[in-house]
Amino acid sequence: MGFLKRLFGSSEKKPSEYVDTRGVYFYVRCDNCGTVVKLRADKEYDLQRQGEGYSWHKTIVDNRCFRPMPAVVILDGNYELVNAEISGGMFVTEDDFDEFLAAKARAAVHDTSEEE
């Protein structure tokens, strides 16, 4: 279960942080360019009721190579992951997303220091 919490974000937040109770978050890495994308599905508007759970169908496009990554996610009645399929990418953890952002920031700092 710990893997799923890391994969789709932990519900443990600091008291001072805003907690989005209407959103379910997913993180996807593009197979082509390696860009990691954070996605939010609104529980009320984006998820379709499917029996006792929900499904989410989304074609994901990153902002680097713009290749479509069709995905289908199945959640139970408590919005916990049951199954996730994607073509052209892979689901990753929130930590992977944070690492991607940190690497991107380091690269930007390195590029600006070379210009000086």
C-alpha atoms as a PDB file:
ATOM      1  CA  MET A   1       0.000   0.000   0.000  1.00  0.00           C
ATOM      2  CA  GLY A   2       2.912   2.333   0.643  1.00  0.00           C
ATOM      3  CA  PHE A   3       3.901   2.103  -3.022  1.00  0.00           C
ATOM      4  CA  LEU A   4       0.450   3.281  -4.101  1.00  0.00           C
ATOM      5  CA  LYS A   5       0.595   6.223  -1.699  1.00  0.00           C
ATOM      6  CA  ARG A   6       3.990   7.224  -3.132  1.00  0.00           C
ATOM      7  CA  LEU A   7       2.757   6.648  -6.678  1.00  0.00           C
ATOM      8  CA  PHE A   8      -0.333   8.799  -6.367  1.00  0.00           C
ATOM      9  CA  GLY A   9       0.598  11.130  -3.527  1.00  0.00           C
ATOM     10  CA  SER A  10       0.261  10.684   0.182  1.00  0.00           C
ATOM     11  CA  SER A  11      -2.708  12.058   2.071  1.00  0.00           C
ATOM     12  CA  GLU A  12      -0.352  13.106   4.884  1.00  0.00           C
ATOM     13  CA  LYS A  13       0.078  16.885   4.642  1.00  0.00           C
ATOM     14  CA  LYS A  14       1.463  19.511   6.960  1.00  0.00           C
ATOM     15  CA  PRO A  15      -1.290  21.387   8.830  1.00  0.00           C
ATOM     16  CA  SER A  16      -0.347  24.677   7.154  1.00  0.00           C
ATOM     17  CA  GLU A  17      -0.665  23.235   3.625  1.00  0.00           C
ATOM     18  CA  TYR A  18      -3.832  23.495   1.573  1.00  0.00           C
ATOM     19  CA  VAL A  19      -5.509  20.096   1.203  1.00  0.00           C
ATOM     20  CA  ASP A  20      -7.428  19.605  -2.027  1.00  0.00           C
ATOM     21  CA  THR A  21     -10.304  17.316  -1.073  1.00  0.00           C
ATOM     22  CA  ARG A  22     -11.925  17.419  -4.523  1.00  0.00           C
ATOM     23  CA  GLY A  23      -8.890  16.392  -6.544  1.00  0.00           C
ATOM     24  CA  VAL A  24      -7.138  13.102  -7.207  1.00  0.00           C
ATOM     25  CA  TYR A  25      -3.542  13.532  -8.427  1.00  0.00           C
ATOM     26  CA  PHE A  26      -1.515  11.438 -10.862  1.00  0.00           C
ATOM     27  CA  TYR A  27       2.052  11.782 -12.138  1.00  0.00           C
ATOM     28  CA  VAL A  28       3.144  10.617 -15.600  1.00  0.00           C
ATOM     29  CA  ARG A  29       6.552  10.460 -17.322  1.00  0.00           C
ATOM     30  CA  CYS A  30       6.607  10.656 -21.138  1.00  0.00           C
ATOM     31  CA  ASP A  31       8.480   7.735 -22.738  1.00  0.00           C
ATOM     32  CA  ASN A  32       9.665   9.967 -25.577  1.00  0.00           C
ATOM     33  CA  CYS A  33      11.139  13.033 -23.844  1.00  0.00           C
ATOM     34  CA  GLY A  34      11.166  12.131 -20.139  1.00  0.00           C
ATOM     35  CA  THR A  35       9.026  15.075 -19.046  1.00  0.00           C
ATOM     36  CA  VAL A  36       7.040  14.391 -15.874  1.00  0.00           C
ATOM     37  CA  VAL A  37       3.526  15.828 -15.730  1.00  0.00           C
ATOM     38  CA  LYS A  38       1.306  16.362 -12.673  1.00  0.00           C
ATOM     39  CA  LEU A  39      -2.371  15.785 -13.384  1.00  0.00           C
ATOM     40  CA  ARG A  40      -5.476  16.494 -11.344  1.00  0.00           C
ATOM     41  CA  ALA A  41      -8.804  14.739 -11.776  1.00  0.00           C
ATOM     42  CA  ASP A  42     -11.756  16.487 -10.155  1.00  0.00           C
ATOM     43  CA  LYS A  43     -13.820  13.936  -8.220  1.00  0.00           C
ATOM     44  CA  GLU A  44     -17.097  15.567  -9.221  1.00  0.00           C
ATOM     45  CA  TYR A  45     -16.511  16.490 -12.854  1.00  0.00           C
ATOM     46  CA  ASP A  46     -13.711  14.304 -14.291  1.00  0.00           C
ATOM     47  CA  LEU A  47     -14.415  10.857 -12.866  1.00  0.00           C
ATOM     48  CA  GLN A  48     -17.138   8.638 -14.310  1.00  0.00           C
ATOM     49  CA  ARG A  49     -19.091   6.382 -11.970  1.00  0.00           C
ATOM     50  CA  GLN A  50     -18.422   2.748 -12.831  1.00  0.00           C
ATOM     51  CA  GLY A  51     -20.192   0.226 -10.602  1.00  0.00           C
ATOM     52  CA  GLU A  52     -18.837   0.679  -7.072  1.00  0.00           C
ATOM     53  CA  GLY A  53     -15.906   2.811  -8.241  1.00  0.00           C
ATOM     54  CA  TYR A  54     -14.800   5.348 -10.815  1.00  0.00           C
ATOM     55  CA  SER A  55     -12.942   5.514 -14.097  1.00  0.00           C
ATOM     56  CA  TRP A  56     -10.904   8.329 -15.602  1.00  0.00           C
ATOM     57  CA  HIS A  57     -10.062   8.404 -19.301  1.00  0.00           C
ATOM     58  CA  LYS A  58      -7.543  11.045 -20.338  1.00  0.00           C
ATOM     59  CA  THR A  59      -5.210  11.699 -23.238  1.00  0.00           C
ATOM     60  CA  ILE A  60      -2.208  13.344 -21.596  1.00  0.00           C
ATOM     61  CA  VAL A  61       0.110  15.691 -23.488  1.00  0.00           C
ATOM     62  CA  ASP A  62       3.267  17.140 -21.945  1.00  0.00           C
ATOM     63  CA  ASN A  63       4.632  20.584 -22.751  1.00  0.00           C
ATOM     64  CA  ARG A  64       7.866  19.408 -24.342  1.00  0.00           C
ATOM     65  CA  CYS A  65       7.263  16.933 -27.178  1.00  0.00           C
ATOM     66  CA  PHE A  66       3.443  17.057 -27.216  1.00  0.00           C
ATOM     67  CA  ARG A  67       3.051  13.327 -27.881  1.00  0.00           C
ATOM     68  CA  PRO A  68      -0.354  12.012 -26.789  1.00  0.00           C
ATOM     69  CA  MET A  69      -0.391   9.468 -23.943  1.00  0.00           C
ATOM     70  CA  PRO A  70      -3.851   7.903 -23.640  1.00  0.00           C
ATOM     71  CA  ALA A  71      -4.551   6.673 -20.113  1.00  0.00           C
ATOM     72  CA  VAL A  72      -7.313   4.854 -18.251  1.00  0.00           C
ATOM     73  CA  VAL A  73      -7.381   4.815 -14.445  1.00  0.00           C
ATOM     74  CA  ILE A  74      -9.793   2.745 -12.362  1.00  0.00           C
ATOM     75  CA  LEU A  75     -10.447   3.799  -8.752  1.00  0.00           C
ATOM     76  CA  ASP A  76     -12.533   2.152  -6.048  1.00  0.00           C
ATOM     77  CA  GLY A  77     -15.311   3.910  -4.123  1.00  0.00           C
ATOM     78  CA  ASN A  78     -12.719   5.494  -1.800  1.00  0.00           C
ATOM     79  CA  TYR A  79     -10.732   6.930  -4.735  1.00  0.00           C
ATOM     80  CA  GLU A  80      -7.938   4.407  -4.204  1.00  0.00           C
ATOM     81  CA  LEU A  81      -6.161   3.051  -7.284  1.00  0.00           C
ATOM     82  CA  VAL A  82      -7.349  -0.304  -8.606  1.00  0.00           C
ATOM     83  CA  ASN A  83      -5.718  -0.248 -12.054  1.00  0.00           C
ATOM     84  CA  ALA A  84      -3.864   2.225 -14.274  1.00  0.00           C
ATOM     85  CA  GLU A  85      -2.948   1.786 -17.935  1.00  0.00           C
ATOM     86  CA  ILE A  86      -1.109   4.208 -20.185  1.00  0.00           C
ATOM     87  CA  SER A  87       0.385   4.151 -23.669  1.00  0.00           C
ATOM     88  CA  GLY A  88       3.468   6.248 -24.458  1.00  0.00           C
ATOM     89  CA  GLY A  89       4.311   6.966 -20.841  1.00  0.00           C
ATOM     90  CA  MET A  90       4.389   5.561 -17.341  1.00  0.00           C
ATOM     91  CA  PHE A  91       2.851   6.455 -14.023  1.00  0.00           C
ATOM     92  CA  VAL A  92       5.451   7.635 -11.502  1.00  0.00           C
ATOM     93  CA  THR A  93       5.464   8.839  -7.898  1.00  0.00           C
ATOM     94  CA  GLU A  94       5.104  12.346  -6.518  1.00  0.00           C
ATOM     95  CA  ASP A  95       8.778  12.059  -5.464  1.00  0.00           C
ATOM     96  CA  ASP A  96       9.727  11.428  -9.110  1.00  0.00           C
ATOM     97  CA  PHE A  97       7.827  14.576 -10.084  1.00  0.00           C
ATOM     98  CA  ASP A  98       9.576  16.626  -7.379  1.00  0.00           C
ATOM     99  CA  GLU A  99      12.951  15.248  -8.497  1.00  0.00           C
ATOM    100  CA  PHE A 100      12.162  16.168 -12.118  1.00  0.00           C
ATOM    101  CA  LEU A 101      11.297  19.754 -11.080  1.00  0.00           C
ATOM    102  CA  ALA A 102      14.470  20.033  -8.976  1.00  0.00           C
ATOM    103  CA  ALA A 103      16.632  18.788 -11.877  1.00  0.00           C
ATOM    104  CA  LYS A 104      14.927  21.254 -14.221  1.00  0.00           C
ATOM    105  CA  ALA A 105      15.596  24.109 -11.774  1.00  0.00           C
ATOM    106  CA  ARG A 106      19.257  23.077 -11.408  1.00  0.00           C
ATOM    107  CA  ALA A 107      19.637  22.990 -15.188  1.00  0.00           C
ATOM    108  CA  ALA A 108      18.107  26.470 -15.483  1.00  0.00           C
ATOM    109  CA  VAL A 109      20.516  27.842 -12.863  1.00  0.00           C
ATOM    110  CA  HIS A 110      23.442  26.153 -14.616  1.00  0.00           C
ATOM    111  CA  ASP A 111      22.389  27.614 -18.000  1.00  0.00           C
ATOM    112  CA  THR A 112      22.103  31.154 -16.623  1.00  0.00           C
ATOM    113  CA  SER A 113      25.474  30.927 -14.854  1.00  0.00           C
ATOM    114  CA  GLU A 114      27.155  29.957 -18.149  1.00  0.00           C
ATOM    115  CA  GLU A 115      25.750  33.057 -19.860  1.00  0.00           C
ATOM    116  CA  GLU A 116      27.505  35.401 -17.419  1.00  0.00           C
END
